[in-house]
N, C-alpha and C. Protein backbone atom coordinates (compact mmCIF):
# COMPACT_ATOMS: atom_id res chain seq x y z
N UNK A 1 -58.98 2.18 -25.86
CA UNK A 1 -58.40 0.99 -25.28
C UNK A 1 -57.24 0.49 -26.14
N UNK A 2 -57.45 0.51 -27.48
CA UNK A 2 -56.39 0.06 -28.38
C UNK A 2 -55.16 0.96 -28.26
N UNK A 3 -55.43 2.26 -28.11
CA UNK A 3 -54.33 3.21 -27.99
C UNK A 3 -53.53 2.95 -26.70
N UNK A 4 -54.22 2.68 -25.60
CA UNK A 4 -53.57 2.39 -24.33
C UNK A 4 -52.73 1.11 -24.43
N UNK A 5 -53.30 0.10 -25.07
CA UNK A 5 -52.58 -1.16 -25.27
C UNK A 5 -51.35 -0.94 -26.16
N UNK A 6 -51.49 -0.13 -27.18
CA UNK A 6 -50.37 0.19 -28.07
C UNK A 6 -49.24 0.89 -27.29
N UNK A 7 -49.61 1.86 -26.44
CA UNK A 7 -48.61 2.57 -25.63
C UNK A 7 -47.94 1.63 -24.63
N UNK A 8 -48.72 0.76 -24.05
CA UNK A 8 -48.19 -0.20 -23.07
C UNK A 8 -47.19 -1.14 -23.74
N UNK A 9 -47.52 -1.64 -24.90
CA UNK A 9 -46.61 -2.52 -25.64
C UNK A 9 -45.36 -1.75 -26.04
N UNK A 10 -45.55 -0.53 -26.50
CA UNK A 10 -44.41 0.32 -26.86
C UNK A 10 -43.49 0.56 -25.67
N UNK A 11 -44.07 0.81 -24.51
CA UNK A 11 -43.28 1.03 -23.30
C UNK A 11 -42.50 -0.23 -22.92
N UNK A 12 -43.15 -1.38 -22.98
CA UNK A 12 -42.48 -2.66 -22.64
C UNK A 12 -41.33 -2.92 -23.61
N UNK A 13 -41.55 -2.69 -24.88
CA UNK A 13 -40.49 -2.89 -25.88
C UNK A 13 -39.33 -1.93 -25.61
N UNK A 14 -39.65 -0.68 -25.36
CA UNK A 14 -38.61 0.32 -25.09
C UNK A 14 -37.84 -0.03 -23.82
N UNK A 15 -38.55 -0.40 -22.78
CA UNK A 15 -37.90 -0.74 -21.51
C UNK A 15 -37.03 -1.99 -21.66
N UNK A 16 -37.49 -2.95 -22.44
CA UNK A 16 -36.70 -4.18 -22.61
C UNK A 16 -35.45 -3.92 -23.44
N UNK A 17 -35.49 -2.93 -24.31
CA UNK A 17 -34.32 -2.60 -25.13
C UNK A 17 -33.25 -1.91 -24.29
N UNK A 18 -33.66 -1.04 -23.43
CA UNK A 18 -32.67 -0.28 -22.66
C UNK A 18 -32.34 -0.97 -21.35
N UNK A 19 -33.24 -1.68 -20.79
CA UNK A 19 -33.15 -2.35 -19.49
C UNK A 19 -32.62 -1.40 -18.42
N UNK A 20 -32.79 -0.11 -18.66
CA UNK A 20 -32.42 0.93 -17.71
C UNK A 20 -30.95 0.86 -17.32
N UNK A 21 -30.13 0.24 -18.12
CA UNK A 21 -28.71 0.14 -17.84
C UNK A 21 -28.33 -1.04 -16.96
N UNK A 22 -29.32 -1.78 -16.49
CA UNK A 22 -29.03 -2.89 -15.57
C UNK A 22 -28.07 -3.90 -16.20
N UNK A 23 -28.35 -4.32 -17.42
CA UNK A 23 -27.50 -5.32 -18.07
C UNK A 23 -26.07 -4.81 -18.24
N UNK A 24 -25.94 -3.54 -18.57
CA UNK A 24 -24.60 -2.96 -18.71
C UNK A 24 -23.89 -2.91 -17.36
N UNK A 25 -24.63 -2.63 -16.30
CA UNK A 25 -24.04 -2.63 -14.96
C UNK A 25 -23.54 -4.02 -14.60
N UNK A 26 -24.33 -5.02 -14.93
CA UNK A 26 -23.91 -6.40 -14.66
C UNK A 26 -22.64 -6.73 -15.45
N UNK A 27 -22.60 -6.33 -16.71
CA UNK A 27 -21.42 -6.60 -17.54
C UNK A 27 -20.19 -5.89 -16.99
N UNK A 28 -20.34 -4.65 -16.57
CA UNK A 28 -19.21 -3.90 -16.02
C UNK A 28 -18.77 -4.47 -14.67
N UNK A 29 -19.72 -4.92 -13.87
CA UNK A 29 -19.38 -5.57 -12.60
C UNK A 29 -18.59 -6.85 -12.86
N UNK A 30 -19.00 -7.61 -13.85
CA UNK A 30 -18.26 -8.82 -14.22
C UNK A 30 -16.85 -8.48 -14.72
N UNK A 31 -16.72 -7.37 -15.45
CA UNK A 31 -15.39 -6.94 -15.90
C UNK A 31 -14.49 -6.61 -14.72
N UNK A 32 -15.05 -5.98 -13.69
CA UNK A 32 -14.27 -5.68 -12.49
C UNK A 32 -13.82 -6.99 -11.84
N UNK A 33 -14.72 -7.96 -11.73
CA UNK A 33 -14.37 -9.24 -11.13
C UNK A 33 -13.29 -9.95 -11.94
N UNK A 34 -13.37 -9.90 -13.25
CA UNK A 34 -12.36 -10.53 -14.10
C UNK A 34 -11.01 -9.83 -13.95
N UNK A 35 -11.04 -8.51 -13.88
CA UNK A 35 -9.79 -7.76 -13.70
C UNK A 35 -9.17 -8.08 -12.34
N UNK A 36 -10.00 -8.22 -11.32
CA UNK A 36 -9.50 -8.58 -9.99
C UNK A 36 -8.88 -9.98 -10.01
N UNK A 37 -9.52 -10.89 -10.71
CA UNK A 37 -8.97 -12.25 -10.83
C UNK A 37 -7.60 -12.22 -11.52
N UNK A 38 -7.44 -11.35 -12.50
CA UNK A 38 -6.14 -11.24 -13.18
C UNK A 38 -5.08 -10.67 -12.24
N UNK A 39 -5.46 -9.73 -11.39
CA UNK A 39 -4.52 -9.18 -10.40
C UNK A 39 -4.09 -10.30 -9.46
N UNK A 40 -5.05 -11.06 -8.95
CA UNK A 40 -4.73 -12.15 -8.04
C UNK A 40 -3.88 -13.21 -8.73
N UNK A 41 -4.15 -13.47 -9.98
CA UNK A 41 -3.37 -14.44 -10.74
C UNK A 41 -1.91 -14.00 -10.83
N UNK A 42 -1.67 -12.73 -11.09
CA UNK A 42 -0.29 -12.23 -11.19
C UNK A 42 0.41 -12.34 -9.84
N UNK A 43 -0.28 -12.00 -8.76
CA UNK A 43 0.31 -12.14 -7.43
C UNK A 43 0.57 -13.61 -7.09
N UNK A 44 -0.33 -14.48 -7.50
CA UNK A 44 -0.15 -15.92 -7.24
C UNK A 44 1.07 -16.45 -7.99
N UNK A 45 1.28 -15.97 -9.20
CA UNK A 45 2.46 -16.39 -9.97
C UNK A 45 3.73 -16.03 -9.22
N UNK A 46 3.75 -14.82 -8.65
CA UNK A 46 4.92 -14.41 -7.87
C UNK A 46 5.09 -15.31 -6.66
N UNK A 47 4.00 -15.60 -5.97
CA UNK A 47 4.07 -16.46 -4.79
C UNK A 47 4.55 -17.86 -5.16
N UNK A 48 4.17 -18.34 -6.33
CA UNK A 48 4.61 -19.67 -6.77
C UNK A 48 6.10 -19.71 -7.12
N UNK A 49 6.65 -18.58 -7.56
CA UNK A 49 8.07 -18.53 -7.90
C UNK A 49 8.98 -18.47 -6.67
N UNK A 50 8.46 -17.94 -5.59
CA UNK A 50 9.29 -17.69 -4.41
C UNK A 50 9.91 -18.95 -3.82
N UNK A 51 9.19 -20.07 -3.66
CA UNK A 51 9.86 -21.26 -3.12
C UNK A 51 11.04 -21.72 -3.98
N UNK A 52 10.90 -21.61 -5.30
CA UNK A 52 12.01 -21.98 -6.18
C UNK A 52 13.19 -21.04 -5.98
N UNK A 53 12.91 -19.76 -5.83
CA UNK A 53 13.97 -18.79 -5.60
C UNK A 53 14.67 -19.08 -4.27
N UNK A 54 13.90 -19.31 -3.22
CA UNK A 54 14.48 -19.59 -1.90
C UNK A 54 15.32 -20.86 -1.94
N UNK A 55 14.83 -21.90 -2.57
CA UNK A 55 15.60 -23.16 -2.65
C UNK A 55 16.88 -22.99 -3.45
N UNK A 56 16.83 -22.20 -4.52
CA UNK A 56 18.04 -21.95 -5.31
C UNK A 56 19.07 -21.19 -4.48
N UNK A 57 18.60 -20.20 -3.74
CA UNK A 57 19.50 -19.43 -2.89
C UNK A 57 20.09 -20.31 -1.80
N UNK A 58 19.27 -21.13 -1.17
CA UNK A 58 19.75 -22.04 -0.12
C UNK A 58 20.82 -22.97 -0.65
N UNK A 59 20.60 -23.50 -1.84
CA UNK A 59 21.52 -24.47 -2.40
C UNK A 59 22.82 -23.87 -2.91
N UNK A 60 22.82 -22.59 -3.22
CA UNK A 60 24.00 -21.98 -3.84
C UNK A 60 24.89 -21.24 -2.86
N UNK A 61 24.43 -20.98 -1.67
CA UNK A 61 25.24 -20.20 -0.74
C UNK A 61 24.90 -20.57 0.70
N UNK A 62 25.86 -20.31 1.55
CA UNK A 62 25.61 -20.43 2.97
C UNK A 62 24.92 -19.14 3.36
N UNK A 63 23.62 -19.11 3.18
CA UNK A 63 22.88 -17.86 3.18
C UNK A 63 22.33 -17.53 4.55
N UNK A 64 22.04 -16.26 4.75
CA UNK A 64 21.47 -15.79 6.01
C UNK A 64 20.06 -16.35 6.17
N UNK A 65 19.89 -17.19 7.15
CA UNK A 65 18.62 -17.87 7.36
C UNK A 65 17.50 -16.89 7.71
N UNK A 66 17.81 -15.83 8.41
CA UNK A 66 16.79 -14.86 8.82
C UNK A 66 16.12 -14.22 7.60
N UNK A 67 16.90 -13.89 6.58
CA UNK A 67 16.35 -13.28 5.37
C UNK A 67 15.42 -14.25 4.66
N UNK A 68 15.84 -15.50 4.55
CA UNK A 68 15.00 -16.51 3.89
C UNK A 68 13.71 -16.74 4.68
N UNK A 69 13.83 -16.77 6.00
CA UNK A 69 12.65 -16.99 6.84
C UNK A 69 11.65 -15.85 6.67
N UNK A 70 12.13 -14.62 6.59
CA UNK A 70 11.23 -13.48 6.39
C UNK A 70 10.50 -13.56 5.05
N UNK A 71 11.22 -14.00 4.02
CA UNK A 71 10.58 -14.15 2.71
C UNK A 71 9.49 -15.21 2.78
N UNK A 72 9.79 -16.34 3.40
CA UNK A 72 8.82 -17.43 3.51
C UNK A 72 7.59 -16.99 4.31
N UNK A 73 7.82 -16.31 5.43
CA UNK A 73 6.70 -15.84 6.26
C UNK A 73 5.85 -14.80 5.52
N UNK A 74 6.51 -13.88 4.83
CA UNK A 74 5.77 -12.86 4.07
C UNK A 74 4.95 -13.50 2.96
N UNK A 75 5.51 -14.53 2.32
CA UNK A 75 4.77 -15.24 1.27
C UNK A 75 3.53 -15.90 1.85
N UNK A 76 3.69 -16.56 2.99
CA UNK A 76 2.56 -17.24 3.62
C UNK A 76 1.46 -16.24 3.97
N UNK A 77 1.84 -15.09 4.50
CA UNK A 77 0.85 -14.07 4.85
C UNK A 77 0.16 -13.52 3.61
N UNK A 78 0.94 -13.27 2.56
CA UNK A 78 0.37 -12.70 1.34
C UNK A 78 -0.58 -13.68 0.66
N UNK A 79 -0.25 -14.96 0.65
CA UNK A 79 -1.12 -15.93 -0.02
C UNK A 79 -2.36 -16.26 0.82
N UNK A 80 -2.31 -15.99 2.12
CA UNK A 80 -3.49 -16.26 2.95
C UNK A 80 -4.52 -15.14 2.86
N UNK A 81 -4.12 -13.98 2.35
CA UNK A 81 -5.02 -12.83 2.23
C UNK A 81 -5.78 -12.91 0.91
N UNK A 82 -7.06 -13.26 1.01
CA UNK A 82 -7.92 -13.34 -0.18
C UNK A 82 -9.11 -12.41 0.00
N UNK A 83 -9.41 -11.69 -1.05
CA UNK A 83 -10.56 -10.79 -1.04
C UNK A 83 -11.47 -11.18 -2.19
N UNK A 84 -12.72 -11.36 -1.87
CA UNK A 84 -13.71 -11.67 -2.90
C UNK A 84 -13.94 -10.45 -3.77
N UNK A 85 -14.19 -10.68 -5.03
CA UNK A 85 -14.47 -9.57 -5.95
C UNK A 85 -15.74 -8.84 -5.56
N UNK A 86 -16.60 -9.47 -4.77
CA UNK A 86 -17.82 -8.82 -4.31
C UNK A 86 -17.56 -7.83 -3.18
N UNK A 87 -16.36 -7.91 -2.59
CA UNK A 87 -16.06 -7.10 -1.41
C UNK A 87 -14.82 -6.23 -1.65
N UNK A 88 -14.77 -5.54 -2.77
CA UNK A 88 -13.60 -4.74 -3.14
C UNK A 88 -13.70 -3.32 -2.59
N UNK A 89 -13.76 -3.22 -1.28
CA UNK A 89 -13.79 -1.91 -0.65
C UNK A 89 -12.36 -1.37 -0.58
N UNK A 90 -12.21 -0.07 -0.48
CA UNK A 90 -10.85 0.49 -0.35
C UNK A 90 -10.09 -0.09 0.85
N UNK A 91 -10.80 -0.36 1.94
CA UNK A 91 -10.14 -0.92 3.14
C UNK A 91 -9.61 -2.32 2.86
N UNK A 92 -10.41 -3.16 2.21
CA UNK A 92 -9.97 -4.52 1.91
C UNK A 92 -8.82 -4.54 0.91
N UNK A 93 -8.89 -3.67 -0.08
CA UNK A 93 -7.80 -3.60 -1.05
C UNK A 93 -6.53 -3.13 -0.36
N UNK A 94 -6.65 -2.20 0.60
CA UNK A 94 -5.49 -1.72 1.35
C UNK A 94 -4.86 -2.86 2.16
N UNK A 95 -5.68 -3.70 2.80
CA UNK A 95 -5.15 -4.85 3.55
C UNK A 95 -4.42 -5.81 2.62
N UNK A 96 -5.02 -6.09 1.48
CA UNK A 96 -4.40 -6.98 0.50
C UNK A 96 -3.07 -6.39 0.03
N UNK A 97 -3.10 -5.11 -0.28
CA UNK A 97 -1.91 -4.42 -0.77
C UNK A 97 -0.81 -4.39 0.30
N UNK A 98 -1.18 -4.25 1.56
CA UNK A 98 -0.20 -4.24 2.64
C UNK A 98 0.50 -5.59 2.75
N UNK A 99 -0.26 -6.68 2.67
CA UNK A 99 0.34 -8.01 2.73
C UNK A 99 1.27 -8.23 1.54
N UNK A 100 0.86 -7.78 0.37
CA UNK A 100 1.72 -7.94 -0.81
C UNK A 100 2.95 -7.04 -0.70
N UNK A 101 2.79 -5.87 -0.08
CA UNK A 101 3.92 -4.96 0.11
C UNK A 101 4.97 -5.54 1.04
N UNK A 102 4.52 -6.25 2.07
CA UNK A 102 5.47 -6.91 2.97
C UNK A 102 6.27 -7.96 2.22
N UNK A 103 5.61 -8.69 1.34
CA UNK A 103 6.31 -9.68 0.53
C UNK A 103 7.29 -9.01 -0.42
N UNK A 104 6.89 -7.91 -1.03
CA UNK A 104 7.79 -7.18 -1.91
C UNK A 104 9.03 -6.70 -1.15
N UNK A 105 8.82 -6.21 0.06
CA UNK A 105 9.94 -5.75 0.88
C UNK A 105 10.89 -6.89 1.23
N UNK A 106 10.34 -8.04 1.59
CA UNK A 106 11.18 -9.19 1.92
C UNK A 106 11.96 -9.66 0.71
N UNK A 107 11.32 -9.67 -0.45
CA UNK A 107 12.02 -10.05 -1.68
C UNK A 107 13.14 -9.05 -2.01
N UNK A 108 12.87 -7.78 -1.81
CA UNK A 108 13.90 -6.76 -2.07
C UNK A 108 15.11 -6.98 -1.17
N UNK A 109 14.86 -7.26 0.12
CA UNK A 109 15.97 -7.53 1.04
C UNK A 109 16.75 -8.76 0.60
N UNK A 110 16.03 -9.78 0.13
CA UNK A 110 16.69 -10.99 -0.34
C UNK A 110 17.59 -10.68 -1.53
N UNK A 111 17.08 -9.94 -2.49
CA UNK A 111 17.85 -9.64 -3.69
C UNK A 111 19.04 -8.72 -3.39
N UNK A 112 18.90 -7.82 -2.42
CA UNK A 112 20.03 -6.97 -2.03
C UNK A 112 21.10 -7.80 -1.35
N UNK A 113 20.69 -8.73 -0.49
CA UNK A 113 21.65 -9.58 0.22
C UNK A 113 22.38 -10.49 -0.74
N UNK A 114 21.74 -10.90 -1.82
CA UNK A 114 22.34 -11.78 -2.82
C UNK A 114 23.58 -11.14 -3.44
N UNK A 115 23.60 -9.81 -3.48
CA UNK A 115 24.74 -9.11 -4.07
C UNK A 115 26.06 -9.49 -3.39
N UNK A 116 26.00 -9.97 -2.16
CA UNK A 116 27.21 -10.35 -1.42
C UNK A 116 27.73 -11.73 -1.83
N UNK A 117 27.02 -12.43 -2.69
CA UNK A 117 27.39 -13.78 -3.07
C UNK A 117 27.61 -13.86 -4.58
N UNK A 118 28.84 -13.64 -5.04
CA UNK A 118 29.10 -13.63 -6.49
C UNK A 118 28.79 -14.97 -7.16
N UNK A 119 29.01 -16.09 -6.47
CA UNK A 119 28.70 -17.39 -7.06
C UNK A 119 27.20 -17.53 -7.33
N UNK A 120 26.42 -17.02 -6.41
CA UNK A 120 24.96 -17.10 -6.56
C UNK A 120 24.49 -16.21 -7.71
N UNK A 121 25.06 -15.02 -7.83
CA UNK A 121 24.66 -14.11 -8.91
C UNK A 121 24.96 -14.71 -10.28
N UNK A 122 25.94 -15.60 -10.34
CA UNK A 122 26.31 -16.21 -11.62
C UNK A 122 25.54 -17.51 -11.87
N UNK A 123 24.82 -18.01 -10.88
CA UNK A 123 24.08 -19.26 -11.00
C UNK A 123 22.93 -19.07 -11.99
N UNK A 124 22.90 -19.92 -13.01
CA UNK A 124 21.91 -19.78 -14.09
C UNK A 124 20.48 -19.91 -13.58
N UNK A 125 20.25 -20.84 -12.64
CA UNK A 125 18.90 -20.99 -12.09
C UNK A 125 18.45 -19.73 -11.38
N UNK A 126 19.37 -19.14 -10.62
CA UNK A 126 19.01 -17.91 -9.90
C UNK A 126 18.72 -16.78 -10.88
N UNK A 127 19.57 -16.65 -11.89
CA UNK A 127 19.37 -15.58 -12.87
C UNK A 127 18.03 -15.74 -13.59
N UNK A 128 17.68 -16.98 -13.89
CA UNK A 128 16.41 -17.25 -14.58
C UNK A 128 15.22 -16.91 -13.67
N UNK A 129 15.32 -17.33 -12.41
CA UNK A 129 14.24 -17.03 -11.47
C UNK A 129 14.12 -15.53 -11.22
N UNK A 130 15.26 -14.86 -11.14
CA UNK A 130 15.24 -13.41 -10.94
C UNK A 130 14.56 -12.72 -12.14
N UNK A 131 14.86 -13.18 -13.34
CA UNK A 131 14.24 -12.61 -14.54
C UNK A 131 12.72 -12.89 -14.54
N UNK A 132 12.34 -14.09 -14.10
CA UNK A 132 10.91 -14.40 -14.03
C UNK A 132 10.20 -13.52 -13.00
N UNK A 133 10.87 -13.28 -11.86
CA UNK A 133 10.27 -12.40 -10.85
C UNK A 133 10.12 -10.98 -11.38
N UNK A 134 11.13 -10.50 -12.09
CA UNK A 134 11.03 -9.15 -12.67
C UNK A 134 9.87 -9.08 -13.66
N UNK A 135 9.74 -10.11 -14.49
CA UNK A 135 8.62 -10.16 -15.42
C UNK A 135 7.28 -10.21 -14.71
N UNK A 136 7.24 -10.95 -13.61
CA UNK A 136 6.01 -11.06 -12.84
C UNK A 136 5.65 -9.72 -12.20
N UNK A 137 6.65 -9.02 -11.70
CA UNK A 137 6.38 -7.69 -11.11
C UNK A 137 5.81 -6.75 -12.18
N UNK A 138 6.32 -6.86 -13.40
CA UNK A 138 5.77 -6.05 -14.49
C UNK A 138 4.33 -6.44 -14.78
N UNK A 139 4.05 -7.75 -14.77
CA UNK A 139 2.67 -8.22 -15.00
C UNK A 139 1.74 -7.71 -13.90
N UNK A 140 2.22 -7.73 -12.66
CA UNK A 140 1.40 -7.23 -11.56
C UNK A 140 1.06 -5.77 -11.79
N UNK A 141 2.04 -4.99 -12.18
CA UNK A 141 1.83 -3.57 -12.46
C UNK A 141 0.79 -3.37 -13.57
N UNK A 142 0.92 -4.14 -14.63
CA UNK A 142 -0.02 -4.03 -15.75
C UNK A 142 -1.43 -4.42 -15.31
N UNK A 143 -1.55 -5.52 -14.58
CA UNK A 143 -2.88 -5.98 -14.15
C UNK A 143 -3.51 -5.00 -13.16
N UNK A 144 -2.70 -4.41 -12.28
CA UNK A 144 -3.24 -3.41 -11.36
C UNK A 144 -3.74 -2.19 -12.13
N UNK A 145 -3.00 -1.77 -13.15
CA UNK A 145 -3.43 -0.63 -13.97
C UNK A 145 -4.74 -0.96 -14.68
N UNK A 146 -4.82 -2.16 -15.28
CA UNK A 146 -6.06 -2.57 -15.97
C UNK A 146 -7.23 -2.63 -14.99
N UNK A 147 -6.96 -3.15 -13.79
CA UNK A 147 -8.01 -3.23 -12.76
C UNK A 147 -8.52 -1.83 -12.44
N UNK A 148 -7.62 -0.89 -12.21
CA UNK A 148 -8.03 0.48 -11.89
C UNK A 148 -8.83 1.10 -13.03
N UNK A 149 -8.44 0.84 -14.27
CA UNK A 149 -9.20 1.36 -15.41
C UNK A 149 -10.60 0.77 -15.46
N UNK A 150 -10.70 -0.53 -15.19
CA UNK A 150 -12.00 -1.21 -15.19
C UNK A 150 -12.88 -0.69 -14.07
N UNK A 151 -12.30 -0.50 -12.89
CA UNK A 151 -13.05 0.03 -11.75
C UNK A 151 -13.52 1.45 -12.06
N UNK A 152 -12.66 2.25 -12.66
CA UNK A 152 -13.04 3.62 -13.00
C UNK A 152 -14.22 3.63 -13.97
N UNK A 153 -14.19 2.76 -14.97
CA UNK A 153 -15.28 2.66 -15.93
C UNK A 153 -16.58 2.26 -15.22
N UNK A 154 -16.49 1.26 -14.37
CA UNK A 154 -17.65 0.77 -13.62
C UNK A 154 -18.21 1.86 -12.70
N UNK A 155 -17.31 2.47 -11.90
CA UNK A 155 -17.77 3.49 -10.95
C UNK A 155 -18.40 4.68 -11.67
N UNK A 156 -17.81 5.11 -12.76
CA UNK A 156 -18.38 6.22 -13.53
C UNK A 156 -19.76 5.86 -14.06
N UNK A 157 -19.89 4.64 -14.53
CA UNK A 157 -21.16 4.21 -15.11
C UNK A 157 -22.28 4.19 -14.08
N UNK A 158 -22.00 3.58 -12.91
CA UNK A 158 -23.08 3.43 -11.91
C UNK A 158 -23.37 4.73 -11.17
N UNK A 159 -22.48 5.69 -11.23
CA UNK A 159 -22.69 6.95 -10.50
C UNK A 159 -23.32 8.04 -11.34
N UNK A 160 -23.45 7.81 -12.66
CA UNK A 160 -24.03 8.84 -13.52
C UNK A 160 -25.56 8.73 -13.53
N UNK A 161 -26.20 9.86 -13.69
CA UNK A 161 -27.66 9.92 -13.68
C UNK A 161 -28.21 9.45 -15.02
N UNK A 162 -29.23 8.72 -15.10
CA UNK A 162 -30.13 8.19 -14.07
C UNK A 162 -29.74 6.79 -13.60
N UNK A 163 -28.60 6.30 -14.09
CA UNK A 163 -28.20 4.94 -13.71
C UNK A 163 -27.91 4.82 -12.22
N UNK A 164 -27.54 5.92 -11.56
CA UNK A 164 -27.28 5.85 -10.13
C UNK A 164 -28.52 5.42 -9.35
N UNK A 165 -29.68 5.76 -9.86
CA UNK A 165 -30.93 5.35 -9.22
C UNK A 165 -31.11 3.84 -9.36
N UNK A 166 -30.94 3.35 -10.57
CA UNK A 166 -31.07 1.91 -10.83
C UNK A 166 -29.99 1.15 -10.05
N UNK A 167 -28.78 1.68 -10.02
CA UNK A 167 -27.68 1.03 -9.30
C UNK A 167 -28.02 0.91 -7.81
N UNK A 168 -28.64 1.94 -7.26
CA UNK A 168 -29.04 1.90 -5.86
C UNK A 168 -30.11 0.86 -5.59
N UNK A 169 -31.04 0.73 -6.51
CA UNK A 169 -32.10 -0.27 -6.35
C UNK A 169 -31.55 -1.68 -6.34
N UNK A 170 -30.52 -1.93 -7.16
CA UNK A 170 -29.99 -3.29 -7.30
C UNK A 170 -28.66 -3.49 -6.57
N UNK A 171 -28.32 -2.61 -5.66
CA UNK A 171 -27.13 -2.72 -4.81
C UNK A 171 -25.81 -2.80 -5.58
N UNK A 172 -25.70 -2.05 -6.65
CA UNK A 172 -24.40 -1.92 -7.33
C UNK A 172 -23.65 -0.83 -6.58
N UNK A 173 -22.57 -1.22 -5.90
CA UNK A 173 -21.83 -0.27 -5.09
C UNK A 173 -20.49 0.07 -5.72
N UNK A 174 -20.00 1.24 -5.37
CA UNK A 174 -18.72 1.72 -5.85
C UNK A 174 -17.61 0.76 -5.41
N UNK A 175 -16.66 0.47 -6.30
CA UNK A 175 -15.53 -0.41 -6.01
C UNK A 175 -14.31 0.42 -5.66
N UNK A 176 -13.38 -0.18 -4.94
CA UNK A 176 -12.15 0.50 -4.55
C UNK A 176 -11.05 0.32 -5.58
N UNK A 177 -10.08 1.23 -5.54
CA UNK A 177 -8.93 1.22 -6.45
C UNK A 177 -7.69 0.71 -5.72
N UNK A 178 -6.72 0.25 -6.50
CA UNK A 178 -5.38 0.06 -5.96
C UNK A 178 -4.75 1.43 -5.88
N UNK A 179 -4.06 1.72 -4.81
CA UNK A 179 -3.39 3.00 -4.66
C UNK A 179 -1.92 2.74 -4.37
N UNK A 180 -1.11 3.74 -4.59
CA UNK A 180 0.33 3.62 -4.32
C UNK A 180 0.54 3.43 -2.82
N UNK A 181 1.57 2.69 -2.47
CA UNK A 181 1.92 2.51 -1.07
C UNK A 181 2.31 3.85 -0.46
N UNK A 182 2.13 3.98 0.82
CA UNK A 182 2.51 5.21 1.50
C UNK A 182 4.01 5.44 1.32
N UNK A 183 4.36 6.64 0.93
CA UNK A 183 5.77 6.97 0.73
C UNK A 183 6.31 6.59 -0.63
N UNK A 184 5.48 6.05 -1.50
CA UNK A 184 5.94 5.61 -2.82
C UNK A 184 6.35 6.78 -3.70
N UNK A 185 5.80 7.96 -3.43
CA UNK A 185 6.13 9.12 -4.25
C UNK A 185 7.53 9.65 -3.94
N UNK A 186 8.13 9.19 -2.83
CA UNK A 186 9.47 9.62 -2.46
C UNK A 186 10.50 8.72 -3.13
N UNK A 187 11.45 9.31 -3.83
CA UNK A 187 12.48 8.54 -4.53
C UNK A 187 13.39 7.86 -3.50
N UNK A 188 13.75 6.57 -3.74
CA UNK A 188 14.64 5.88 -2.79
C UNK A 188 16.04 6.48 -2.82
N UNK A 189 16.70 6.41 -1.68
CA UNK A 189 18.05 6.91 -1.56
C UNK A 189 19.02 5.77 -1.89
N UNK A 190 19.71 5.89 -3.01
CA UNK A 190 20.64 4.83 -3.45
C UNK A 190 22.05 5.28 -3.17
N UNK A 191 22.80 4.44 -2.42
CA UNK A 191 24.19 4.75 -2.09
C UNK A 191 25.07 3.61 -2.51
N UNK A 192 26.24 3.94 -3.03
CA UNK A 192 27.21 2.92 -3.44
C UNK A 192 28.44 3.02 -2.57
């Protein structure tokens, strides 16, 4: 009886030390959620800069209203698309990425059209906002890379044996990655 009790206590101590990977899964899941929050934060920063950029452009030039309207509409669509960190499926990430891609396209058209306005290109406010947008785009890229690394770590952890069994019991599911936009591997055609 003493031997059985000794083994039982030993098993409980051993199980509590390893927790079968559950605690590590929780920590990695939280890391994915934090990385996703950083991605959203970077996109939100870009969305917050856009009204200032649009107002600067409006004030500095008799600008094409259609271009500004497209930027404003794309911003509204991109900021209305929210995905919970609990629901990071590849499909949901693709929808989020598509809305952000439309905003990126509208911003690109705005910046190309600005080239026709030399006074605007020399405007200090515009130059500052443009530099902030470039920095924000870099931050978005960095946060997306970090997110993908965190998701890869999480997915690898929960899919390896024997943790895949424990992950299945506690509903730890594989998370989706950010992927390149369709056609991104094709170099743009630049003409002067």
